[in-house]
C-alpha atoms as a PDB file:
ATOM      1  CA  MET A   1       6.725  18.632 -18.082  1.00  0.00           C
ATOM      2  CA  GLY A   2       5.503  19.199 -14.537  1.00  0.00           C
ATOM      3  CA  VAL A   3       4.080  16.765 -12.032  1.00  0.00           C
ATOM      4  CA  PRO A   4       0.248  16.710 -11.939  1.00  0.00           C
ATOM      5  CA  ARG A   5      -1.153  18.617  -8.968  1.00  0.00           C
ATOM      6  CA  ARG A   6      -2.703  15.420  -7.626  1.00  0.00           C
ATOM      7  CA  TYR A   7       0.766  14.020  -6.997  1.00  0.00           C
ATOM      8  CA  ALA A   8       2.516  17.235  -6.002  1.00  0.00           C
ATOM      9  CA  SER A   9       1.924  16.659  -2.295  1.00  0.00           C
ATOM     10  CA  LEU A  10       3.060  13.040  -2.645  1.00  0.00           C
ATOM     11  CA  CYS A  11       6.266  14.170  -4.315  1.00  0.00           C
ATOM     12  CA  ALA A  12       6.914  16.760  -1.624  1.00  0.00           C
ATOM     13  CA  LEU A  13       6.217  14.247   1.131  1.00  0.00           C
ATOM     14  CA  THR A  14       8.357  11.610  -0.571  1.00  0.00           C
ATOM     15  CA  GLY A  15      11.308  13.994  -0.741  1.00  0.00           C
ATOM     16  CA  VAL A  16      11.013  14.537   3.006  1.00  0.00           C
ATOM     17  CA  LEU A  17      10.647  10.800   3.578  1.00  0.00           C
ATOM     18  CA  LEU A  18      13.776   9.979   1.603  1.00  0.00           C
ATOM     19  CA  TYR A  19      15.661  12.263   3.943  1.00  0.00           C
ATOM     20  CA  CYS A  20      13.959  10.801   7.051  1.00  0.00           C
ATOM     21  CA  VAL A  21      13.971   7.083   6.145  1.00  0.00           C
ATOM     22  CA  PRO A  22      17.240   6.258   7.940  1.00  0.00           C
ATOM     23  CA  SER A  23      15.822   7.676  11.168  1.00  0.00           C
ATOM     24  CA  PHE A  24      13.085   5.066  11.491  1.00  0.00           C
ATOM     25  CA  LEU A  25      14.161   1.966   9.599  1.00  0.00           C
ATOM     26  CA  PRO A  26      17.134   0.529  11.510  1.00  0.00           C
ATOM     27  CA  GLY A  27      15.311  -0.316  14.733  1.00  0.00           C
ATOM     28  CA  ALA A  28      11.808  -0.604  13.366  1.00  0.00           C
ATOM     29  CA  SER A  29       9.911  -3.809  13.524  1.00  0.00           C
ATOM     30  CA  SER A  30       6.315  -4.783  13.402  1.00  0.00           C
ATOM     31  CA  GLY A  31       5.242  -8.326  12.937  1.00  0.00           C
ATOM     32  CA  ALA A  32       2.218 -10.528  12.630  1.00  0.00           C
ATOM     33  CA  ALA A  33       2.646 -11.269  16.335  1.00  0.00           C
ATOM     34  CA  ASP A  34       1.071  -7.869  17.032  1.00  0.00           C
ATOM     35  CA  GLY A  35      -2.428  -8.351  18.348  1.00  0.00           C
ATOM     36  CA  ALA A  36      -5.373  -7.356  16.202  1.00  0.00           C
ATOM     37  CA  GLY A  37      -6.334  -4.864  18.905  1.00  0.00           C
ATOM     38  CA  ASP A  38      -3.504  -2.513  18.014  1.00  0.00           C
ATOM     39  CA  ARG A  39      -4.060  -2.621  14.259  1.00  0.00           C
ATOM     40  CA  VAL A  40      -5.039   0.419  12.247  1.00  0.00           C
ATOM     41  CA  ARG A  41      -7.070   0.175   9.052  1.00  0.00           C
ATOM     42  CA  ILE A  42      -5.608   2.015   6.082  1.00  0.00           C
ATOM     43  CA  GLN A  43      -8.184   4.570   4.948  1.00  0.00           C
ATOM     44  CA  GLU A  44      -6.694   5.496   1.577  1.00  0.00           C
ATOM     45  CA  VAL A  45      -4.152   4.146  -0.877  1.00  0.00           C
ATOM     46  CA  ASP A  46      -2.521   6.526  -3.341  1.00  0.00           C
ATOM     47  CA  VAL A  47       0.173   6.053  -5.979  1.00  0.00           C
ATOM     48  CA  GLY A  48       2.695   8.733  -6.793  1.00  0.00           C
ATOM     49  CA  VAL A  49       6.141   9.349  -8.125  1.00  0.00           C
ATOM     50  CA  SER A  50       9.331  10.102  -6.269  1.00  0.00           C
ATOM     51  CA  PRO A  51      12.913  10.777  -7.245  1.00  0.00           C
ATOM     52  CA  VAL A  52      13.653   7.052  -6.807  1.00  0.00           C
ATOM     53  CA  GLY A  53      10.555   5.678  -8.535  1.00  0.00           C
ATOM     54  CA  PRO A  54       6.899   4.892  -7.845  1.00  0.00           C
ATOM     55  CA  VAL A  55       5.647   5.008  -4.276  1.00  0.00           C
ATOM     56  CA  VAL A  56       2.418   3.776  -2.749  1.00  0.00           C
ATOM     57  CA  MET A  57       1.198   5.849   0.155  1.00  0.00           C
ATOM     58  CA  LEU A  58      -0.812   3.988   2.797  1.00  0.00           C
ATOM     59  CA  LYS A  59      -2.811   6.671   4.597  1.00  0.00           C
ATOM     60  CA  ALA A  60      -4.530   6.544   7.973  1.00  0.00           C
ATOM     61  CA  GLU A  61      -5.129   9.031  10.749  1.00  0.00           C
ATOM     62  CA  ALA A  62      -3.531  11.941   8.825  1.00  0.00           C
ATOM     63  CA  LYS A  63      -0.318   9.943   8.343  1.00  0.00           C
ATOM     64  CA  ALA A  64       1.127   8.213   5.286  1.00  0.00           C
ATOM     65  CA  ILE A  65       3.451   5.232   5.137  1.00  0.00           C
ATOM     66  CA  PRO A  66       5.540   5.164   1.939  1.00  0.00           C
ATOM     67  CA  VAL A  67       6.015   1.804   0.238  1.00  0.00           C
ATOM     68  CA  PHE A  68       8.297   1.980  -2.777  1.00  0.00           C
ATOM     69  CA  VAL A  69       7.169  -0.306  -5.615  1.00  0.00           C
ATOM     70  CA  ASP A  70       8.134  -1.149  -9.177  1.00  0.00           C
ATOM     71  CA  GLN A  71       6.461   0.324 -12.270  1.00  0.00           C
ATOM     72  CA  THR A  72       4.273  -2.741 -12.914  1.00  0.00           C
ATOM     73  CA  VAL A  73       2.837  -2.818  -9.407  1.00  0.00           C
ATOM     74  CA  ALA A  74       2.276   0.951  -9.512  1.00  0.00           C
ATOM     75  CA  ALA A  75       0.396   0.624 -12.820  1.00  0.00           C
ATOM     76  CA  SER A  76      -1.712  -2.226 -11.439  1.00  0.00           C
ATOM     77  CA  ILE A  77      -2.655  -0.330  -8.288  1.00  0.00           C
ATOM     78  CA  ARG A  78      -3.321   2.915 -10.172  1.00  0.00           C
ATOM     79  CA  ALA A  79      -5.581   1.069 -12.656  1.00  0.00           C
ATOM     80  CA  ALA A  80      -7.510  -0.623  -9.844  1.00  0.00           C
ATOM     81  CA  LEU A  81      -7.921   2.674  -7.949  1.00  0.00           C
ATOM     82  CA  THR A  82      -9.229   4.477 -11.032  1.00  0.00           C
ATOM     83  CA  LYS A  83     -11.301   1.504 -12.294  1.00  0.00           C
ATOM     84  CA  GLN A  84      -9.269   1.670 -15.498  1.00  0.00           C
ATOM     85  CA  LYS A  85      -8.920  -1.431 -17.641  1.00  0.00           C
ATOM     86  CA  LEU A  86      -5.431  -1.897 -19.049  1.00  0.00           C
ATOM     87  CA  ALA A  87      -4.887  -3.118 -22.614  1.00  0.00           C
ATOM     88  CA  ARG A  88      -3.439  -6.409 -21.311  1.00  0.00           C
ATOM     89  CA  PRO A  89      -3.961  -7.934 -17.880  1.00  0.00           C
ATOM     90  CA  LEU A  90      -1.123  -7.647 -15.393  1.00  0.00           C
ATOM     91  CA  SER A  91      -0.309 -10.341 -12.831  1.00  0.00           C
ATOM     92  CA  HIS A  92      -2.688  -8.886 -10.245  1.00  0.00           C
ATOM     93  CA  ASP A  93      -5.509  -8.827 -12.804  1.00  0.00           C
ATOM     94  CA  LEU A  94      -4.793 -12.469 -13.603  1.00  0.00           C
ATOM     95  CA  MET A  95      -4.813 -13.434  -9.918  1.00  0.00           C
ATOM     96  CA  ARG A  96      -8.096 -11.577  -9.395  1.00  0.00           C
ATOM     97  CA  THR A  97      -9.650 -13.333 -12.378  1.00  0.00           C
ATOM     98  CA  ILE A  98      -8.471 -16.773 -11.251  1.00  0.00           C
ATOM     99  CA  LEU A  99      -9.656 -16.271  -7.680  1.00  0.00           C
ATOM    100  CA  ALA A 100     -13.024 -14.938  -8.826  1.00  0.00           C
ATOM    101  CA  ALA A 101     -13.467 -17.916 -11.185  1.00  0.00           C
ATOM    102  CA  TYR A 102     -13.188 -20.218  -8.158  1.00  0.00           C
ATOM    103  CA  GLY A 103     -15.382 -18.043  -5.950  1.00  0.00           C
ATOM    104  CA  GLY A 104     -12.395 -16.663  -4.100  1.00  0.00           C
ATOM    105  CA  LYS A 105     -11.545 -13.240  -2.818  1.00  0.00           C
ATOM    106  CA  VAL A 106      -8.924 -11.380  -0.830  1.00  0.00           C
ATOM    107  CA  VAL A 107     -10.319 -10.901   2.666  1.00  0.00           C
ATOM    108  CA  GLN A 108      -7.608  -8.684   4.133  1.00  0.00           C
ATOM    109  CA  VAL A 109      -3.964  -7.691   3.990  1.00  0.00           C
ATOM    110  CA  VAL A 110      -1.669  -6.958   6.905  1.00  0.00           C
ATOM    111  CA  VAL A 111       1.497  -4.988   6.142  1.00  0.00           C
ATOM    112  CA  THR A 112       4.404  -5.320   8.551  1.00  0.00           C
ATOM    113  CA  LEU A 113       7.948  -3.998   8.704  1.00  0.00           C
ATOM    114  CA  GLN A 114      10.857  -6.246   9.618  1.00  0.00           C
ATOM    115  CA  GLY A 115      14.220  -4.513   9.561  1.00  0.00           C
ATOM    116  CA  ALA A 116      14.076  -2.349   6.451  1.00  0.00           C
ATOM    117  CA  THR A 117      11.677  -4.605   4.521  1.00  0.00           C
ATOM    118  CA  TYR A 118       7.893  -4.425   4.305  1.00  0.00           C
ATOM    119  CA  TYR A 119       6.040  -7.746   4.272  1.00  0.00           C
ATOM    120  CA  GLY A 120       2.502  -8.562   3.245  1.00  0.00           C
ATOM    121  CA  GLU A 121       0.260 -11.136   4.858  1.00  0.00           C
ATOM    122  CA  LEU A 122      -2.470 -11.917   2.350  1.00  0.00           C
ATOM    123  CA  THR A 123      -5.659 -13.625   3.581  1.00  0.00           C
ATOM    124  CA  ILE A 124      -7.719 -15.305   0.866  1.00  0.00           C
ATOM    125  CA  ASP A 125     -11.101 -17.017   1.156  1.00  0.00           C
ATOM    126  CA  VAL A 126     -12.121 -19.681  -1.350  1.00  0.00           C
ATOM    127  CA  ALA A 127     -15.424 -21.481  -0.763  1.00  0.00           C
ATOM    128  CA  GLY A 128     -15.394 -20.606   2.932  1.00  0.00           C
ATOM    129  CA  GLU A 129     -11.844 -21.807   3.508  1.00  0.00           C
ATOM    130  CA  ARG A 130      -9.362 -19.139   4.537  1.00  0.00           C
ATOM    131  CA  LYS A 131      -5.655 -19.312   3.871  1.00  0.00           C
ATOM    132  CA  VAL A 132      -2.931 -16.838   4.767  1.00  0.00           C
ATOM    133  CA  PHE A 133      -0.017 -16.328   2.389  1.00  0.00           C
ATOM    134  CA  ASP A 134       3.328 -14.579   2.824  1.00  0.00           C
ATOM    135  CA  SER A 135       3.683 -11.958   0.108  1.00  0.00           C
ATOM    136  CA  ARG A 136       5.632  -8.951  -1.022  1.00  0.00           C
ATOM    137  CA  SER A 137       3.853  -6.000   0.531  1.00  0.00           C
ATOM    138  CA  SER A 138       3.412  -4.393  -2.883  1.00  0.00           C
ATOM    139  CA  ASP A 139       1.656  -7.466  -4.333  1.00  0.00           C
ATOM    140  CA  ALA A 140      -0.542  -7.815  -1.262  1.00  0.00           C
ATOM    141  CA  ILE A 141      -1.513  -4.126  -1.454  1.00  0.00           C
ATOM    142  CA  ALA A 142      -2.289  -4.444  -5.173  1.00  0.00           C
ATOM    143  CA  LEU A 143      -4.538  -7.454  -4.606  1.00  0.00           C
ATOM    144  CA  ALA A 144      -6.277  -5.749  -1.673  1.00  0.00           C
ATOM    145  CA  VAL A 145      -7.022  -2.758  -3.898  1.00  0.00           C
ATOM    146  CA  HIS A 146      -8.277  -5.034  -6.702  1.00  0.00           C
ATOM    147  CA  PHE A 147     -10.672  -6.739  -4.268  1.00  0.00           C
ATOM    148  CA  SER A 148     -11.508  -3.643  -2.179  1.00  0.00           C
ATOM    149  CA  ALA A 149     -10.228  -5.558   0.849  1.00  0.00           C
ATOM    150  CA  PRO A 150      -9.064  -3.838   4.022  1.00  0.00           C
ATOM    151  CA  ILE A 151      -5.359  -3.186   4.559  1.00  0.00           C
ATOM    152  CA  TRP A 152      -4.091  -3.162   8.139  1.00  0.00           C
ATOM    153  CA  VAL A 153      -0.878  -1.984   9.810  1.00  0.00           C
ATOM    154  CA  SER A 154       0.084  -2.052  13.463  1.00  0.00           C
ATOM    155  CA  ARG A 155      -0.201   1.089  15.556  1.00  0.00           C
ATOM    156  CA  GLU A 156       3.570   0.837  16.100  1.00  0.00           C
ATOM    157  CA  LEU A 157       4.251   0.814  12.337  1.00  0.00           C
ATOM    158  CA  LEU A 158       1.976   3.798  11.725  1.00  0.00           C
ATOM    159  CA  ASP A 159       3.655   5.717  14.548  1.00  0.00           C
ATOM    160  CA  LYS A 160       7.219   4.870  13.449  1.00  0.00           C
ATOM    161  CA  ALA A 161       6.963   4.942   9.649  1.00  0.00           C
ATOM    162  CA  GLY A 162       3.961   7.211   9.154  1.00  0.00           C
ATOM    163  CA  HIS A 163       4.589  10.839   8.348  1.00  0.00           C
ATOM    164  CA  ALA A 164       2.113  13.678   8.637  1.00  0.00           C
ATOM    165  CA  VAL A 165       0.176  14.266   5.440  1.00  0.00           C
ATOM    166  CA  GLN A 166      -0.168  17.905   4.541  1.00  0.00           C
ATOM    167  CA  ASP A 167      -1.143  19.408   1.236  1.00  0.00           C
ATOM    168  CA  PRO A 168       1.084  22.277   0.103  1.00  0.00           C
ATOM    169  CA  PRO A 169      -0.534  25.726   0.335  1.00  0.00           C
ATOM    170  CA  GLY A 170      -2.675  26.473  -2.709  1.00  0.00           C
ATOM    171  CA  SER A 171      -2.922  22.837  -3.796  1.00  0.00           C
ATOM    172  CA  ARG A 172      -6.117  20.880  -4.163  1.00  0.00           C
ATOM    173  CA  ARG A 173      -7.015  17.244  -4.485  1.00  0.00           C
ATOM    174  CA  LEU A 174      -8.638  16.029  -7.679  1.00  0.00           C
END
């Protein structure tokens, strides 16, 4: 069984990234201390498969940052992106439902890289009061997608961890 064409370019890019990962992770860092002025808004989130498991691609400015996630997070993000309702709610669905019941929403997510680990900074607003929570990047991304909230990365992170996005010849996006 082949990989759907939609994910073919993700798989190809992921294979290249797995080879390139050691070149940018050891010295990379990007933290919340970065000013908002050098942040880049993620324009597209996509979920694909790789030889090591599911990967979320954060895309901006013709670059993609790979964030490897577990199956549950991948399913949650994919369902939110496609407006699909799963048979049973996952943790991110539950969080969305709870927040919405109290008039809350995810305002934004900032993804950073410290060492070889991505971090998520999740900003939530409930009744006009904003709180920022430390989070796994994958959970923060999932909640941002569920709430259609912006996802931000620093310019430095996009430059260091982002790889050029190119569709293979003859492929097309669905």
